[in-house]
N, C-alpha and C. Protein backbone atom coordinates (compact mmCIF):
# COMPACT_ATOMS: atom_id res chain seq x y z
N UNK A 1 4.53 9.65 -16.19
CA UNK A 1 4.72 10.97 -17.14
C UNK A 1 3.97 12.07 -16.45
N UNK A 2 4.55 13.33 -16.16
CA UNK A 2 3.65 14.42 -15.72
C UNK A 2 2.71 14.70 -16.81
N UNK A 3 1.34 15.23 -16.05
CA UNK A 3 0.35 15.55 -16.93
C UNK A 3 0.17 17.31 -16.68
N UNK A 4 -0.38 17.88 -17.53
CA UNK A 4 -0.79 19.42 -17.32
C UNK A 4 -1.99 19.36 -16.94
N UNK A 5 -2.32 20.28 -15.80
CA UNK A 5 -3.50 20.43 -14.86
C UNK A 5 -3.79 22.03 -14.78
N UNK A 6 -5.07 22.14 -15.01
CA UNK A 6 -5.42 23.55 -14.73
C UNK A 6 -5.88 23.79 -13.32
N UNK A 7 -5.45 24.82 -12.78
CA UNK A 7 -5.82 25.13 -11.37
C UNK A 7 -6.35 26.72 -11.12
N UNK A 8 -6.99 26.92 -10.11
CA UNK A 8 -7.42 28.32 -9.81
C UNK A 8 -7.12 28.57 -8.25
N UNK A 9 -6.50 29.70 -7.96
CA UNK A 9 -6.30 29.95 -6.52
C UNK A 9 -7.42 30.53 -6.01
N UNK A 10 -7.74 30.01 -4.72
CA UNK A 10 -8.74 30.30 -4.06
C UNK A 10 -8.63 31.53 -3.28
N UNK A 11 -7.31 32.07 -3.26
CA UNK A 11 -6.98 33.30 -2.47
C UNK A 11 -7.16 34.52 -3.46
N UNK A 12 -6.36 34.56 -4.63
CA UNK A 12 -6.41 35.60 -5.52
C UNK A 12 -7.14 35.47 -6.71
N UNK A 13 -7.64 34.14 -7.03
CA UNK A 13 -8.37 34.03 -8.28
C UNK A 13 -7.59 33.84 -9.63
N UNK A 14 -6.32 33.73 -9.42
CA UNK A 14 -5.34 33.37 -10.62
C UNK A 14 -5.59 32.21 -11.16
N UNK A 15 -5.79 32.04 -12.38
CA UNK A 15 -5.84 30.88 -13.14
C UNK A 15 -4.38 30.47 -13.83
N UNK A 16 -3.92 29.29 -13.51
CA UNK A 16 -2.79 28.73 -14.02
C UNK A 16 -2.71 27.34 -14.42
N UNK A 17 -1.81 26.93 -15.11
CA UNK A 17 -1.58 25.67 -15.58
C UNK A 17 -0.36 25.05 -15.12
N UNK A 18 -0.08 23.82 -14.72
CA UNK A 18 1.24 23.35 -14.25
C UNK A 18 1.12 21.89 -14.52
N UNK A 19 2.35 21.27 -14.46
CA UNK A 19 2.45 19.81 -14.63
C UNK A 19 2.53 19.30 -13.09
N UNK A 20 1.82 18.06 -13.19
CA UNK A 20 1.79 17.53 -11.73
C UNK A 20 2.10 15.84 -12.12
N UNK A 21 2.64 15.33 -10.90
CA UNK A 21 3.04 13.93 -11.21
C UNK A 21 1.61 13.02 -11.18
N UNK A 22 1.74 11.88 -12.13
CA UNK A 22 0.56 11.03 -11.90
C UNK A 22 0.56 10.18 -10.64
N UNK A 23 -0.36 9.47 -10.35
CA UNK A 23 -0.50 8.74 -9.29
C UNK A 23 0.80 7.52 -8.94
N UNK A 24 1.16 7.07 -10.16
CA UNK A 24 2.29 6.24 -9.90
C UNK A 24 3.58 6.68 -9.75
N UNK A 25 3.87 8.07 -10.36
CA UNK A 25 5.04 8.72 -9.92
C UNK A 25 5.09 9.26 -8.52
N UNK A 26 3.96 9.76 -7.95
CA UNK A 26 3.85 10.02 -6.62
C UNK A 26 4.11 8.96 -5.81
N UNK A 27 3.51 7.67 -5.99
CA UNK A 27 3.76 6.55 -5.31
C UNK A 27 5.28 6.31 -5.24
N UNK A 28 5.87 6.25 -6.17
CA UNK A 28 7.40 5.82 -6.44
C UNK A 28 8.07 6.95 -5.72
N UNK A 29 7.91 8.22 -5.81
CA UNK A 29 8.58 9.34 -5.00
C UNK A 29 8.48 8.90 -3.58
N UNK A 30 7.31 8.71 -3.11
CA UNK A 30 7.16 8.60 -1.61
C UNK A 30 8.04 7.37 -1.21
N UNK A 31 7.95 6.32 -1.89
CA UNK A 31 8.63 5.09 -1.63
C UNK A 31 10.31 5.34 -1.59
N UNK A 32 10.76 6.13 -2.47
CA UNK A 32 12.05 6.63 -2.33
C UNK A 32 12.55 7.52 -1.55
N UNK A 33 11.51 8.25 -0.70
CA UNK A 33 11.63 9.34 0.03
C UNK A 33 12.21 10.65 -0.68
N UNK A 34 11.56 10.88 -1.75
CA UNK A 34 11.78 11.98 -2.59
C UNK A 34 10.69 12.89 -2.43
N UNK A 35 11.02 14.30 -2.53
CA UNK A 35 9.74 15.33 -2.16
C UNK A 35 8.90 15.18 -3.47
N UNK A 36 7.48 15.39 -2.99
CA UNK A 36 6.57 15.59 -3.99
C UNK A 36 5.93 17.01 -3.61
N UNK A 37 6.06 18.00 -4.36
CA UNK A 37 5.81 19.36 -4.12
C UNK A 37 4.29 19.68 -4.15
N UNK A 38 3.94 20.55 -3.36
CA UNK A 38 2.53 21.01 -3.33
C UNK A 38 2.29 22.09 -4.49
N UNK A 39 1.09 21.83 -5.23
CA UNK A 39 0.84 22.98 -6.21
C UNK A 39 0.55 24.31 -5.32
N UNK A 40 1.28 25.33 -6.04
CA UNK A 40 0.96 26.75 -5.32
C UNK A 40 0.84 27.78 -6.41
N UNK A 41 0.16 28.81 -6.26
CA UNK A 41 -0.07 29.89 -7.21
C UNK A 41 1.15 30.61 -7.42
N UNK A 42 1.36 30.83 -8.82
CA UNK A 42 2.58 31.61 -9.13
C UNK A 42 2.47 33.11 -8.77
N UNK A 43 1.36 33.65 -8.58
CA UNK A 43 1.15 35.20 -8.01
C UNK A 43 1.24 35.41 -6.61
N UNK A 44 0.53 34.63 -5.91
CA UNK A 44 0.53 34.90 -4.34
C UNK A 44 1.11 33.80 -3.50
N UNK A 45 1.76 32.81 -4.21
CA UNK A 45 2.49 31.65 -3.74
C UNK A 45 1.57 30.81 -2.59
N UNK A 46 0.43 31.00 -2.56
CA UNK A 46 -0.53 30.00 -1.52
C UNK A 46 -0.72 28.79 -2.08
N UNK A 47 -0.83 27.71 -1.21
CA UNK A 47 -1.15 26.45 -1.91
C UNK A 47 -2.79 26.11 -1.66
N UNK A 48 -3.43 27.08 -1.41
CA UNK A 48 -5.03 26.97 -1.27
C UNK A 48 -5.59 27.18 -2.71
N UNK A 49 -5.47 25.95 -3.62
CA UNK A 49 -5.85 25.93 -4.98
C UNK A 49 -7.03 24.84 -5.19
N UNK A 50 -7.62 25.03 -6.32
CA UNK A 50 -8.51 23.93 -6.76
C UNK A 50 -8.34 23.60 -8.05
N UNK A 51 -8.71 22.48 -8.54
CA UNK A 51 -8.51 21.83 -9.97
C UNK A 51 -9.74 22.73 -10.78
N UNK A 52 -9.30 22.94 -11.98
CA UNK A 52 -10.17 23.46 -12.98
C UNK A 52 -10.29 24.96 -12.89
N UNK A 53 -10.78 25.69 -13.90
CA UNK A 53 -10.97 27.04 -14.20
C UNK A 53 -12.53 27.35 -13.88
N UNK A 54 -13.27 26.48 -13.44
CA UNK A 54 -14.75 27.01 -13.29
C UNK A 54 -14.95 27.71 -11.94
């Protein structure tokens, strides 16, 4: 079941929340050759993000 995780963009500083797959779902998707998308900033679309808002 996807979980909501907070992220902060290292490029523009935008704070956002998104749903990510848990470890079991990622493992299953890789086994079935389904894509697992990288988290990206909704403002600048960069993938240079970190967990948490601190």
